[in-house]
Amino acid sequence: MPKEFVYKVQQFTGSIKIDADWSKSAWKNVNAIDIKNHMGSLPVFFPGVKTKMMYDNENLYLIFNVKDRFVRCITNEINGPVWEDSCVEFFFSPDEEHPEKYFNLEINCGGTPLMHYNLVPRKDFISLFPADIKNVEIAHTLPQIVEPEIKEPVDWTVEYRIPLDLLRKYSNVTAPRPGTEWRANFYKIAEKNSNPHFLTWTEVKNPVPDFHLPRFFGKIKFI
């Protein structure tokens, strides 16, 4: 049987400053998952990628830490081609009754986001309005533009807060609470640099790299 990928998402109480500090106390006791599967050819350099997630009654919180090389980032327009840059991505289905419908939130290392709601993978999607996407609070440790490429080892972090009310504008949302399960996957990508790669949390078995395959999503269980 294929391996089941499950991430248990802890409930957060209190306040948190979105500042891209991987080591701050709010995240210290939260389990991290490794994004260490890959699609396509094995890259020459394999980035080390970890992510953590929490929730409360109003928000989702995510943080990614990347030990990287060959980092390039030139997209600074919301809903631009951020996946071409060094980029981390969160694909998730917030409606338990319709796991085939999902959001993809992609944020490059310079903090520029893209966010879509997919009704049918690769065929029918809604680009969220930039004014709505700006409600996602984002912090990042690298400059907005990284050009030329950083070939040397570099660590970078992206942290963000997603308001649940933003999701409800586009989708039914099964409220996160202990016992709720969503389907999701976490990714790291860089298409246009000297070390292109397509890294995934769950194993995605497809002959060509493609993140838009919700049948391969794992489970995130809110606890």
N, C-alpha and C. Protein backbone atom coordinates (compact mmCIF):
# COMPACT_ATOMS: atom_id res chain seq x y z
N MET A 1 0.84 -1.20 0.00
CA MET A 1 0.00 0.00 0.00
C MET A 1 0.88 1.25 0.00
N PRO A 2 0.43 2.32 -0.71
CA PRO A 2 1.21 3.55 -0.70
C PRO A 2 1.24 4.17 0.69
N LYS A 3 2.33 4.84 0.98
CA LYS A 3 2.49 5.49 2.28
C LYS A 3 1.45 6.60 2.44
N GLU A 4 0.83 6.68 3.62
CA GLU A 4 -0.11 7.76 3.90
C GLU A 4 0.65 8.92 4.56
N PHE A 5 0.50 10.09 4.00
CA PHE A 5 1.14 11.27 4.54
C PHE A 5 0.11 12.05 5.36
N VAL A 6 0.38 12.23 6.64
CA VAL A 6 -0.53 12.92 7.55
C VAL A 6 0.27 13.93 8.35
N TYR A 7 -0.23 15.14 8.42
CA TYR A 7 0.39 16.17 9.25
C TYR A 7 -0.64 16.64 10.27
N LYS A 8 -0.29 16.58 11.54
CA LYS A 8 -1.18 17.03 12.61
C LYS A 8 -0.90 18.50 12.89
N VAL A 9 -1.94 19.32 12.72
CA VAL A 9 -1.81 20.77 12.83
C VAL A 9 -2.29 21.23 14.21
N GLN A 10 -1.38 21.83 14.95
CA GLN A 10 -1.69 22.23 16.31
C GLN A 10 -2.51 23.52 16.35
N GLN A 11 -3.34 23.63 17.39
CA GLN A 11 -4.10 24.85 17.60
C GLN A 11 -3.21 25.86 18.34
N PHE A 12 -3.33 27.12 17.93
CA PHE A 12 -2.50 28.18 18.51
C PHE A 12 -3.37 29.11 19.33
N THR A 13 -2.87 29.48 20.49
CA THR A 13 -3.55 30.47 21.33
C THR A 13 -2.56 31.58 21.63
N GLY A 14 -3.07 32.78 21.68
CA GLY A 14 -2.20 33.91 21.94
C GLY A 14 -2.03 34.75 20.69
N SER A 15 -0.95 35.52 20.64
CA SER A 15 -0.68 36.38 19.50
C SER A 15 0.67 36.01 18.91
N ILE A 16 0.82 36.25 17.64
CA ILE A 16 2.06 35.92 16.95
C ILE A 16 2.41 37.05 15.99
N LYS A 17 3.66 37.44 15.99
CA LYS A 17 4.14 38.43 15.05
C LYS A 17 4.66 37.73 13.81
N ILE A 18 4.13 38.11 12.66
CA ILE A 18 4.56 37.51 11.40
C ILE A 18 5.84 38.23 10.96
N ASP A 19 6.98 37.59 11.23
CA ASP A 19 8.26 38.25 10.98
C ASP A 19 9.31 37.33 10.37
N ALA A 20 8.91 36.13 9.97
CA ALA A 20 9.82 35.17 9.30
C ALA A 20 10.95 34.72 10.22
N ASP A 21 10.68 34.67 11.51
CA ASP A 21 11.68 34.17 12.47
C ASP A 21 11.38 32.71 12.78
N TRP A 22 12.11 31.81 12.14
CA TRP A 22 11.89 30.37 12.31
C TRP A 22 12.11 29.93 13.76
N SER A 23 12.97 30.61 14.48
CA SER A 23 13.36 30.17 15.82
C SER A 23 12.51 30.77 16.94
N LYS A 24 11.51 31.59 16.64
CA LYS A 24 10.76 32.24 17.72
C LYS A 24 9.92 31.25 18.51
N SER A 25 9.56 31.66 19.70
CA SER A 25 8.94 30.74 20.66
C SER A 25 7.61 30.17 20.17
N ALA A 26 6.85 30.92 19.39
CA ALA A 26 5.55 30.43 18.92
C ALA A 26 5.66 29.14 18.12
N TRP A 27 6.80 28.95 17.44
CA TRP A 27 6.98 27.77 16.59
C TRP A 27 7.83 26.68 17.24
N LYS A 28 8.39 26.95 18.40
CA LYS A 28 9.40 26.04 18.95
C LYS A 28 8.89 24.62 19.16
N ASN A 29 7.67 24.46 19.65
CA ASN A 29 7.14 23.13 19.98
C ASN A 29 6.20 22.58 18.90
N VAL A 30 6.28 23.15 17.71
CA VAL A 30 5.45 22.71 16.59
C VAL A 30 6.28 21.77 15.72
N ASN A 31 5.72 20.61 15.41
CA ASN A 31 6.42 19.64 14.56
C ASN A 31 6.59 20.18 13.14
N ALA A 32 7.75 19.94 12.57
CA ALA A 32 8.02 20.32 11.18
C ALA A 32 7.89 19.10 10.29
N ILE A 33 7.54 19.33 9.05
CA ILE A 33 7.58 18.26 8.05
C ILE A 33 8.63 18.62 7.01
N ASP A 34 9.22 17.60 6.42
CA ASP A 34 10.24 17.78 5.40
C ASP A 34 9.62 17.65 4.01
N ILE A 35 9.98 18.57 3.15
CA ILE A 35 9.56 18.50 1.75
C ILE A 35 10.73 17.89 1.00
N LYS A 36 10.73 16.57 0.91
CA LYS A 36 11.93 15.87 0.44
C LYS A 36 11.68 14.85 -0.66
N ASN A 37 10.45 14.73 -1.14
CA ASN A 37 10.23 13.96 -2.36
C ASN A 37 10.43 14.89 -3.56
N HIS A 38 10.59 14.30 -4.74
CA HIS A 38 10.78 15.16 -5.90
C HIS A 38 10.10 14.57 -7.11
N MET A 39 9.82 15.44 -8.07
CA MET A 39 9.28 15.05 -9.37
C MET A 39 10.30 15.42 -10.43
N GLY A 40 10.28 14.71 -11.53
CA GLY A 40 11.22 15.00 -12.61
C GLY A 40 12.62 14.54 -12.25
N SER A 41 13.58 15.12 -12.92
CA SER A 41 14.98 14.74 -12.72
C SER A 41 15.47 15.20 -11.35
N LEU A 42 16.35 14.41 -10.76
CA LEU A 42 16.94 14.78 -9.49
C LEU A 42 17.85 15.99 -9.71
N PRO A 43 17.60 17.09 -8.97
CA PRO A 43 18.47 18.26 -9.19
C PRO A 43 19.89 18.00 -8.71
N VAL A 44 20.82 18.75 -9.25
CA VAL A 44 22.22 18.63 -8.84
C VAL A 44 22.36 18.99 -7.36
N PHE A 45 21.70 20.07 -6.96
CA PHE A 45 21.64 20.45 -5.55
C PHE A 45 20.22 20.29 -5.07
N PHE A 46 20.04 19.56 -3.95
CA PHE A 46 18.71 19.28 -3.42
C PHE A 46 18.48 20.16 -2.19
N PRO A 47 17.63 21.20 -2.30
CA PRO A 47 17.42 22.08 -1.15
C PRO A 47 16.84 21.33 0.05
N GLY A 48 17.20 21.78 1.23
CA GLY A 48 16.58 21.27 2.45
C GLY A 48 15.41 22.17 2.81
N VAL A 49 14.21 21.59 2.89
CA VAL A 49 13.01 22.41 3.09
C VAL A 49 12.16 21.83 4.21
N LYS A 50 11.82 22.68 5.16
CA LYS A 50 10.93 22.29 6.26
C LYS A 50 9.78 23.29 6.33
N THR A 51 8.62 22.82 6.78
CA THR A 51 7.50 23.72 7.00
C THR A 51 6.76 23.33 8.27
N LYS A 52 6.13 24.32 8.87
CA LYS A 52 5.28 24.12 10.04
C LYS A 52 3.97 24.87 9.82
N MET A 53 2.92 24.40 10.50
CA MET A 53 1.60 25.00 10.34
C MET A 53 0.87 24.98 11.67
N MET A 54 0.09 26.04 11.94
CA MET A 54 -0.80 26.12 13.10
C MET A 54 -2.10 26.78 12.65
N TYR A 55 -3.07 26.79 13.57
CA TYR A 55 -4.35 27.43 13.27
C TYR A 55 -4.96 27.99 14.55
N ASP A 56 -5.88 28.93 14.37
CA ASP A 56 -6.78 29.34 15.45
C ASP A 56 -8.17 29.52 14.84
N ASN A 57 -9.07 30.15 15.54
CA ASN A 57 -10.45 30.26 15.05
C ASN A 57 -10.58 31.17 13.84
N GLU A 58 -9.56 31.97 13.57
CA GLU A 58 -9.68 32.96 12.50
C GLU A 58 -8.63 32.84 11.41
N ASN A 59 -7.55 32.10 11.66
CA ASN A 59 -6.42 32.12 10.73
C ASN A 59 -5.72 30.77 10.62
N LEU A 60 -5.00 30.63 9.51
CA LEU A 60 -3.98 29.59 9.36
C LEU A 60 -2.63 30.28 9.39
N TYR A 61 -1.64 29.61 10.00
CA TYR A 61 -0.29 30.16 10.09
C TYR A 61 0.67 29.14 9.49
N LEU A 62 1.55 29.59 8.59
CA LEU A 62 2.54 28.70 8.01
C LEU A 62 3.90 29.38 7.99
N ILE A 63 4.93 28.56 8.11
CA ILE A 63 6.29 29.05 7.98
C ILE A 63 7.12 27.99 7.26
N PHE A 64 7.94 28.44 6.32
CA PHE A 64 8.84 27.57 5.55
C PHE A 64 10.26 28.04 5.79
N ASN A 65 11.17 27.08 5.97
CA ASN A 65 12.59 27.39 6.07
C ASN A 65 13.32 26.58 5.00
N VAL A 66 14.17 27.25 4.23
CA VAL A 66 14.83 26.62 3.09
C VAL A 66 16.34 26.81 3.18
N LYS A 67 17.06 25.72 3.10
CA LYS A 67 18.52 25.76 2.99
C LYS A 67 18.83 25.55 1.51
N ASP A 68 19.22 26.60 0.85
CA ASP A 68 19.14 26.67 -0.60
C ASP A 68 20.48 27.08 -1.21
N ARG A 69 20.53 26.97 -2.53
CA ARG A 69 21.57 27.54 -3.38
C ARG A 69 20.92 27.88 -4.72
N PHE A 70 21.61 28.64 -5.54
CA PHE A 70 21.11 28.99 -6.88
C PHE A 70 19.76 29.69 -6.79
N VAL A 71 19.67 30.63 -5.87
CA VAL A 71 18.41 31.33 -5.59
C VAL A 71 18.27 32.54 -6.51
N ARG A 72 17.13 32.57 -7.19
CA ARG A 72 16.81 33.68 -8.09
C ARG A 72 15.37 34.08 -7.85
N CYS A 73 15.08 35.39 -7.92
CA CYS A 73 13.72 35.87 -7.66
C CYS A 73 13.53 37.20 -8.38
N ILE A 74 12.70 37.22 -9.43
CA ILE A 74 12.51 38.45 -10.20
C ILE A 74 11.06 38.88 -10.31
N THR A 75 10.11 38.03 -9.87
CA THR A 75 8.68 38.37 -9.97
C THR A 75 8.27 39.18 -8.74
N ASN A 76 7.72 40.37 -8.96
CA ASN A 76 7.25 41.18 -7.84
C ASN A 76 5.82 41.68 -8.04
N GLU A 77 5.09 41.04 -8.94
CA GLU A 77 3.69 41.39 -9.19
C GLU A 77 2.80 40.27 -8.66
N ILE A 78 1.81 40.62 -7.86
CA ILE A 78 0.87 39.63 -7.33
C ILE A 78 0.24 38.85 -8.48
N ASN A 79 0.18 37.54 -8.33
CA ASN A 79 -0.34 36.61 -9.34
C ASN A 79 0.54 36.53 -10.59
N GLY A 80 1.79 36.99 -10.47
CA GLY A 80 2.75 36.79 -11.53
C GLY A 80 3.36 35.39 -11.45
N PRO A 81 4.29 35.05 -12.32
CA PRO A 81 4.85 33.69 -12.40
C PRO A 81 5.87 33.41 -11.30
N VAL A 82 5.40 33.42 -10.07
CA VAL A 82 6.30 33.24 -8.92
C VAL A 82 6.95 31.86 -8.91
N TRP A 83 6.31 30.86 -9.53
CA TRP A 83 6.85 29.51 -9.55
C TRP A 83 8.15 29.40 -10.35
N GLU A 84 8.42 30.39 -11.19
CA GLU A 84 9.67 30.40 -11.92
C GLU A 84 10.85 30.74 -10.99
N ASP A 85 10.55 31.44 -9.91
CA ASP A 85 11.56 31.84 -8.93
C ASP A 85 11.74 30.75 -7.88
N SER A 86 12.66 30.96 -6.94
CA SER A 86 12.75 30.11 -5.76
C SER A 86 11.49 30.36 -4.94
N CYS A 87 10.68 29.34 -4.74
CA CYS A 87 9.29 29.54 -4.32
C CYS A 87 8.82 28.37 -3.46
N VAL A 88 7.98 28.67 -2.46
CA VAL A 88 7.33 27.63 -1.66
C VAL A 88 5.82 27.72 -1.87
N GLU A 89 5.16 26.57 -1.80
CA GLU A 89 3.76 26.51 -2.20
C GLU A 89 2.95 25.64 -1.24
N PHE A 90 1.70 26.05 -1.03
CA PHE A 90 0.76 25.34 -0.18
C PHE A 90 -0.52 25.15 -0.99
N PHE A 91 -0.84 23.89 -1.31
CA PHE A 91 -2.08 23.55 -2.01
C PHE A 91 -2.99 22.86 -1.00
N PHE A 92 -4.26 23.28 -0.91
CA PHE A 92 -5.11 22.72 0.15
C PHE A 92 -6.59 22.80 -0.22
N SER A 93 -7.31 21.79 0.22
CA SER A 93 -8.75 21.67 -0.01
C SER A 93 -9.46 21.92 1.32
N PRO A 94 -10.08 23.09 1.51
CA PRO A 94 -10.68 23.39 2.81
C PRO A 94 -12.10 22.89 2.99
N ASP A 95 -12.68 22.29 1.97
CA ASP A 95 -14.05 21.78 2.03
C ASP A 95 -13.99 20.26 2.07
N GLU A 96 -14.31 19.67 3.23
CA GLU A 96 -14.21 18.21 3.36
C GLU A 96 -15.09 17.48 2.36
N GLU A 97 -16.19 18.09 1.94
CA GLU A 97 -17.11 17.42 1.02
C GLU A 97 -16.66 17.52 -0.44
N HIS A 98 -15.72 18.40 -0.73
CA HIS A 98 -15.24 18.56 -2.12
C HIS A 98 -13.72 18.66 -2.13
N PRO A 99 -13.05 17.55 -1.85
CA PRO A 99 -11.57 17.59 -1.79
C PRO A 99 -10.92 17.82 -3.13
N GLU A 100 -11.68 17.72 -4.22
CA GLU A 100 -11.11 17.96 -5.55
C GLU A 100 -10.96 19.46 -5.84
N LYS A 101 -11.62 20.31 -5.04
CA LYS A 101 -11.52 21.76 -5.21
C LYS A 101 -10.50 22.29 -4.22
N TYR A 102 -9.57 23.10 -4.68
CA TYR A 102 -8.46 23.46 -3.81
C TYR A 102 -7.90 24.84 -4.14
N PHE A 103 -7.30 25.44 -3.14
CA PHE A 103 -6.52 26.67 -3.32
C PHE A 103 -5.06 26.31 -3.57
N ASN A 104 -4.39 27.11 -4.36
CA ASN A 104 -2.92 27.05 -4.39
C ASN A 104 -2.39 28.44 -4.06
N LEU A 105 -1.61 28.49 -2.99
CA LEU A 105 -0.95 29.72 -2.56
C LEU A 105 0.54 29.52 -2.76
N GLU A 106 1.12 30.31 -3.64
CA GLU A 106 2.53 30.19 -4.00
C GLU A 106 3.21 31.52 -3.68
N ILE A 107 4.30 31.46 -2.91
CA ILE A 107 4.99 32.68 -2.49
C ILE A 107 6.48 32.51 -2.76
N ASN A 108 7.04 33.41 -3.55
CA ASN A 108 8.47 33.30 -3.84
C ASN A 108 9.30 33.80 -2.66
N CYS A 109 10.60 33.60 -2.73
CA CYS A 109 11.46 33.92 -1.58
C CYS A 109 11.50 35.41 -1.30
N GLY A 110 11.06 36.23 -2.25
CA GLY A 110 10.97 37.67 -2.03
C GLY A 110 9.64 38.13 -1.49
N GLY A 111 8.74 37.17 -1.19
CA GLY A 111 7.47 37.50 -0.55
C GLY A 111 6.33 37.86 -1.48
N THR A 112 6.49 37.65 -2.78
CA THR A 112 5.41 37.95 -3.72
C THR A 112 4.51 36.73 -3.90
N PRO A 113 3.18 36.89 -3.72
CA PRO A 113 2.26 35.75 -3.77
C PRO A 113 1.49 35.62 -5.08
N LEU A 114 1.05 34.40 -5.29
CA LEU A 114 0.02 34.06 -6.28
C LEU A 114 -1.00 33.19 -5.54
N MET A 115 -2.30 33.42 -5.81
CA MET A 115 -3.31 32.58 -5.16
C MET A 115 -4.48 32.35 -6.11
N HIS A 116 -4.79 31.07 -6.33
CA HIS A 116 -5.90 30.66 -7.17
C HIS A 116 -6.81 29.70 -6.39
N TYR A 117 -8.08 29.66 -6.83
CA TYR A 117 -9.00 28.64 -6.34
C TYR A 117 -9.37 27.78 -7.54
N ASN A 118 -9.09 26.48 -7.45
CA ASN A 118 -9.24 25.55 -8.57
C ASN A 118 -10.51 24.73 -8.42
N LEU A 119 -11.39 24.85 -9.40
CA LEU A 119 -12.63 24.07 -9.43
C LEU A 119 -12.39 22.73 -10.12
N VAL A 120 -11.63 22.75 -11.19
CA VAL A 120 -11.20 21.55 -11.89
C VAL A 120 -9.71 21.72 -12.19
N PRO A 121 -8.86 20.81 -11.73
CA PRO A 121 -7.41 21.00 -11.92
C PRO A 121 -7.04 21.25 -13.37
N ARG A 122 -6.26 22.32 -13.56
CA ARG A 122 -5.70 22.69 -14.86
C ARG A 122 -6.74 23.17 -15.87
N LYS A 123 -8.03 23.14 -15.51
CA LYS A 123 -9.06 23.50 -16.49
C LYS A 123 -9.90 24.70 -16.08
N ASP A 124 -10.22 24.81 -14.81
CA ASP A 124 -11.15 25.85 -14.37
C ASP A 124 -10.68 26.37 -13.02
N PHE A 125 -10.20 27.61 -13.02
CA PHE A 125 -9.74 28.18 -11.75
C PHE A 125 -10.08 29.66 -11.71
N ILE A 126 -10.08 30.18 -10.49
CA ILE A 126 -10.33 31.59 -10.24
C ILE A 126 -9.06 32.20 -9.65
N SER A 127 -8.58 33.26 -10.26
CA SER A 127 -7.47 34.01 -9.66
C SER A 127 -8.06 34.95 -8.62
N LEU A 128 -7.62 34.82 -7.40
CA LEU A 128 -8.11 35.72 -6.37
C LEU A 128 -7.70 37.16 -6.69
N PHE A 129 -8.57 38.09 -6.34
CA PHE A 129 -8.26 39.50 -6.58
C PHE A 129 -7.03 39.91 -5.77
N PRO A 130 -6.11 40.66 -6.37
CA PRO A 130 -4.94 41.12 -5.61
C PRO A 130 -5.31 41.81 -4.29
N ALA A 131 -6.40 42.57 -4.29
CA ALA A 131 -6.81 43.24 -3.05
C ALA A 131 -7.15 42.22 -1.97
N ASP A 132 -7.69 41.06 -2.37
CA ASP A 132 -7.98 40.01 -1.40
C ASP A 132 -6.70 39.32 -0.95
N ILE A 133 -5.80 39.04 -1.90
CA ILE A 133 -4.55 38.36 -1.56
C ILE A 133 -3.73 39.19 -0.58
N LYS A 134 -3.85 40.51 -0.65
CA LYS A 134 -3.10 41.37 0.27
C LYS A 134 -3.52 41.17 1.72
N ASN A 135 -4.65 40.49 1.95
CA ASN A 135 -5.05 40.16 3.32
C ASN A 135 -4.22 39.02 3.91
N VAL A 136 -3.46 38.33 3.06
CA VAL A 136 -2.49 37.34 3.55
C VAL A 136 -1.26 38.12 4.02
N GLU A 137 -0.99 38.07 5.32
CA GLU A 137 0.16 38.79 5.86
C GLU A 137 1.41 37.94 5.65
N ILE A 138 2.42 38.50 4.98
CA ILE A 138 3.61 37.74 4.58
C ILE A 138 4.86 38.44 5.10
N ALA A 139 5.78 37.64 5.64
CA ALA A 139 7.11 38.13 5.99
C ALA A 139 8.14 37.24 5.32
N HIS A 140 9.29 37.80 4.95
CA HIS A 140 10.32 37.05 4.23
C HIS A 140 11.68 37.61 4.58
N THR A 141 12.70 36.78 4.48
CA THR A 141 14.03 37.19 4.91
C THR A 141 14.94 37.64 3.77
N LEU A 142 14.59 37.35 2.55
CA LEU A 142 15.39 37.80 1.42
C LEU A 142 14.77 39.04 0.78
N PRO A 143 15.53 39.80 0.01
CA PRO A 143 14.96 40.96 -0.68
C PRO A 143 13.88 40.53 -1.68
N GLN A 144 13.04 41.49 -2.05
CA GLN A 144 11.97 41.17 -3.01
C GLN A 144 12.53 40.71 -4.35
N ILE A 145 13.64 41.29 -4.76
CA ILE A 145 14.30 40.91 -6.01
C ILE A 145 15.68 40.34 -5.68
N VAL A 146 15.95 39.15 -6.21
CA VAL A 146 17.26 38.53 -6.07
C VAL A 146 17.77 38.24 -7.49
N GLU A 147 18.62 39.10 -7.98
CA GLU A 147 19.17 38.98 -9.32
C GLU A 147 20.46 39.79 -9.37
N PRO A 148 21.59 39.20 -9.65
CA PRO A 148 21.75 37.84 -10.18
C PRO A 148 21.52 36.77 -9.12
N GLU A 149 21.48 35.56 -9.61
CA GLU A 149 21.26 34.39 -8.78
C GLU A 149 22.33 34.27 -7.69
N ILE A 150 21.88 33.87 -6.49
CA ILE A 150 22.81 33.56 -5.40
C ILE A 150 23.23 32.10 -5.55
N LYS A 151 24.45 31.86 -5.95
CA LYS A 151 24.89 30.49 -6.17
C LYS A 151 25.39 29.82 -4.88
N GLU A 152 25.81 30.63 -3.92
CA GLU A 152 26.36 30.10 -2.68
C GLU A 152 25.23 29.63 -1.75
N PRO A 153 25.56 28.82 -0.74
CA PRO A 153 24.53 28.40 0.23
C PRO A 153 23.89 29.60 0.92
N VAL A 154 22.58 29.57 1.04
CA VAL A 154 21.83 30.64 1.70
C VAL A 154 20.58 30.04 2.35
N ASP A 155 20.28 30.47 3.56
CA ASP A 155 19.04 30.09 4.23
C ASP A 155 18.03 31.21 4.04
N TRP A 156 16.78 30.84 3.78
CA TRP A 156 15.73 31.86 3.73
C TRP A 156 14.44 31.30 4.30
N THR A 157 13.60 32.21 4.77
CA THR A 157 12.35 31.84 5.44
C THR A 157 11.21 32.71 4.92
N VAL A 158 10.06 32.09 4.78
CA VAL A 158 8.81 32.79 4.47
C VAL A 158 7.79 32.37 5.52
N GLU A 159 7.10 33.34 6.10
CA GLU A 159 6.06 33.08 7.09
C GLU A 159 4.81 33.86 6.69
N TYR A 160 3.63 33.27 6.91
CA TYR A 160 2.43 34.01 6.56
C TYR A 160 1.21 33.57 7.38
N ARG A 161 0.22 34.46 7.36
CA ARG A 161 -1.05 34.25 8.05
C ARG A 161 -2.16 34.36 7.00
N ILE A 162 -3.00 33.32 6.90
CA ILE A 162 -4.13 33.30 5.97
C ILE A 162 -5.42 33.47 6.76
N PRO A 163 -6.17 34.55 6.57
CA PRO A 163 -7.47 34.67 7.25
C PRO A 163 -8.48 33.68 6.67
N LEU A 164 -9.17 32.97 7.53
CA LEU A 164 -10.18 32.03 7.05
C LEU A 164 -11.30 32.75 6.30
N ASP A 165 -11.59 33.99 6.68
CA ASP A 165 -12.63 34.74 5.98
C ASP A 165 -12.27 34.99 4.52
N LEU A 166 -10.98 35.07 4.21
CA LEU A 166 -10.57 35.20 2.81
C LEU A 166 -10.97 33.96 2.03
N LEU A 167 -10.73 32.79 2.60
CA LEU A 167 -11.08 31.54 1.92
C LEU A 167 -12.59 31.45 1.71
N ARG A 168 -13.35 31.91 2.69
CA ARG A 168 -14.82 31.80 2.63
C ARG A 168 -15.42 32.66 1.53
N LYS A 169 -14.68 33.63 1.03
CA LYS A 169 -15.17 34.44 -0.10
C LYS A 169 -15.23 33.62 -1.38
N TYR A 170 -14.46 32.53 -1.44
CA TYR A 170 -14.32 31.77 -2.68
C TYR A 170 -14.77 30.31 -2.55
N SER A 171 -14.87 29.81 -1.33
CA SER A 171 -15.12 28.38 -1.14
C SER A 171 -15.88 28.15 0.16
N ASN A 172 -16.59 27.03 0.20
CA ASN A 172 -17.06 26.55 1.49
C ASN A 172 -15.83 26.09 2.29
N VAL A 173 -15.83 26.37 3.57
CA VAL A 173 -14.70 26.01 4.42
C VAL A 173 -15.20 25.17 5.59
N THR A 174 -14.70 23.94 5.68
CA THR A 174 -14.95 23.13 6.87
C THR A 174 -14.07 23.69 7.97
N ALA A 175 -14.70 24.26 8.99
CA ALA A 175 -13.96 25.03 9.99
C ALA A 175 -12.87 24.18 10.65
N PRO A 176 -11.65 24.69 10.72
CA PRO A 176 -10.60 23.97 11.45
C PRO A 176 -10.95 23.89 12.95
N ARG A 177 -11.01 22.69 13.43
CA ARG A 177 -11.22 22.42 14.85
C ARG A 177 -10.73 21.00 15.10
N PRO A 178 -10.50 20.61 16.33
CA PRO A 178 -10.04 19.25 16.58
C PRO A 178 -10.93 18.21 15.90
N GLY A 179 -10.33 17.38 15.06
CA GLY A 179 -11.07 16.36 14.33
C GLY A 179 -11.29 16.67 12.87
N THR A 180 -11.19 17.94 12.47
CA THR A 180 -11.35 18.30 11.06
C THR A 180 -10.14 17.80 10.25
N GLU A 181 -10.41 17.31 9.05
CA GLU A 181 -9.34 16.87 8.14
C GLU A 181 -9.49 17.58 6.80
N TRP A 182 -8.43 18.17 6.34
CA TRP A 182 -8.36 18.71 4.99
C TRP A 182 -7.36 17.88 4.19
N ARG A 183 -7.41 18.01 2.87
CA ARG A 183 -6.39 17.44 2.00
C ARG A 183 -5.44 18.54 1.58
N ALA A 184 -4.15 18.21 1.47
CA ALA A 184 -3.17 19.26 1.18
C ALA A 184 -1.86 18.67 0.70
N ASN A 185 -1.06 19.54 0.11
CA ASN A 185 0.33 19.21 -0.19
C ASN A 185 1.17 20.48 -0.07
N PHE A 186 2.45 20.29 0.19
CA PHE A 186 3.41 21.38 0.35
C PHE A 186 4.52 21.16 -0.67
N TYR A 187 4.99 22.26 -1.28
CA TYR A 187 5.94 22.14 -2.37
C TYR A 187 7.06 23.18 -2.26
N LYS A 188 8.16 22.88 -2.93
CA LYS A 188 9.24 23.84 -3.19
C LYS A 188 9.60 23.72 -4.67
N ILE A 189 9.72 24.85 -5.32
CA ILE A 189 9.95 24.84 -6.75
C ILE A 189 10.90 25.96 -7.15
N ALA A 190 11.58 25.77 -8.24
CA ALA A 190 12.31 26.83 -8.94
C ALA A 190 12.43 26.37 -10.39
N GLU A 191 11.72 27.01 -11.28
CA GLU A 191 11.73 26.57 -12.68
C GLU A 191 12.81 27.26 -13.51
N LYS A 192 13.09 28.53 -13.21
CA LYS A 192 14.01 29.28 -14.07
C LYS A 192 15.21 29.75 -13.27
N ASN A 193 16.04 28.80 -12.93
CA ASN A 193 17.35 29.10 -12.37
C ASN A 193 18.32 28.05 -12.89
N SER A 194 19.54 28.02 -12.38
CA SER A 194 20.51 27.06 -12.90
C SER A 194 20.40 25.70 -12.21
N ASN A 195 19.41 25.55 -11.32
CA ASN A 195 19.19 24.27 -10.63
C ASN A 195 17.69 24.02 -10.49
N PRO A 196 16.97 23.85 -11.61
CA PRO A 196 15.52 23.69 -11.51
C PRO A 196 15.14 22.43 -10.73
N HIS A 197 14.03 22.53 -9.97
CA HIS A 197 13.61 21.39 -9.16
C HIS A 197 12.14 21.52 -8.81
N PHE A 198 11.55 20.36 -8.45
CA PHE A 198 10.14 20.26 -8.13
C PHE A 198 10.01 19.32 -6.93
N LEU A 199 9.99 19.89 -5.74
CA LEU A 199 10.00 19.09 -4.51
C LEU A 199 8.60 19.05 -3.90
N THR A 200 8.26 17.91 -3.29
CA THR A 200 6.92 17.69 -2.76
C THR A 200 6.97 17.07 -1.37
N TRP A 201 5.91 17.31 -0.62
CA TRP A 201 5.75 16.62 0.68
C TRP A 201 5.32 15.18 0.45
N THR A 202 4.16 14.97 -0.15
CA THR A 202 3.70 13.62 -0.46
C THR A 202 4.34 13.16 -1.76
N GLU A 203 4.36 11.88 -1.96
CA GLU A 203 4.84 11.33 -3.22
C GLU A 203 3.80 11.57 -4.32
N VAL A 204 4.24 12.20 -5.40
CA VAL A 204 3.35 12.47 -6.53
C VAL A 204 3.90 11.69 -7.72
N LYS A 205 3.16 10.69 -8.13
CA LYS A 205 3.63 9.80 -9.19
C LYS A 205 3.00 10.23 -10.51
N ASN A 206 3.80 10.95 -11.27
CA ASN A 206 3.35 11.46 -12.57
C ASN A 206 4.57 11.53 -13.47
N PRO A 207 4.43 11.23 -14.77
CA PRO A 207 5.61 11.19 -15.64
C PRO A 207 6.29 12.54 -15.82
N VAL A 208 5.55 13.64 -15.65
CA VAL A 208 6.14 14.97 -15.75
C VAL A 208 5.77 15.75 -14.48
N PRO A 209 6.61 16.69 -14.06
CA PRO A 209 6.28 17.46 -12.86
C PRO A 209 4.96 18.21 -12.99
N ASP A 210 4.09 18.03 -12.03
CA ASP A 210 2.78 18.69 -12.02
C ASP A 210 2.27 18.69 -10.58
N PHE A 211 2.14 19.86 -10.00
CA PHE A 211 1.65 19.96 -8.62
C PHE A 211 0.13 19.93 -8.54
N HIS A 212 -0.54 20.14 -9.67
CA HIS A 212 -2.00 20.25 -9.67
C HIS A 212 -2.66 18.87 -9.82
N LEU A 213 -2.35 18.01 -8.88
CA LEU A 213 -2.88 16.64 -8.89
C LEU A 213 -3.43 16.33 -7.50
N PRO A 214 -4.63 16.80 -7.19
CA PRO A 214 -5.15 16.66 -5.81
C PRO A 214 -5.34 15.22 -5.36
N ARG A 215 -5.36 14.27 -6.30
CA ARG A 215 -5.49 12.88 -5.87
C ARG A 215 -4.27 12.41 -5.08
N PHE A 216 -3.17 13.15 -5.17
CA PHE A 216 -1.97 12.79 -4.42
C PHE A 216 -1.80 13.61 -3.14
N PHE A 217 -2.76 14.46 -2.82
CA PHE A 217 -2.65 15.26 -1.60
C PHE A 217 -2.63 14.34 -0.38
N GLY A 218 -1.91 14.76 0.65
CA GLY A 218 -1.95 14.09 1.92
C GLY A 218 -3.06 14.66 2.80
N LYS A 219 -3.03 14.30 4.07
CA LYS A 219 -4.04 14.77 5.03
C LYS A 219 -3.40 15.75 6.00
N ILE A 220 -4.12 16.82 6.28
CA ILE A 220 -3.76 17.64 7.44
C ILE A 220 -4.91 17.52 8.44
N LYS A 221 -4.55 17.05 9.63
CA LYS A 221 -5.53 16.82 10.69
C LYS A 221 -5.37 17.90 11.75
N PHE A 222 -6.43 18.63 12.00
CA PHE A 222 -6.41 19.66 13.03
C PHE A 222 -6.65 19.01 14.38
N ILE A 223 -5.81 19.35 15.34
CA ILE A 223 -5.89 18.71 16.66
C ILE A 223 -6.05 19.76 17.75
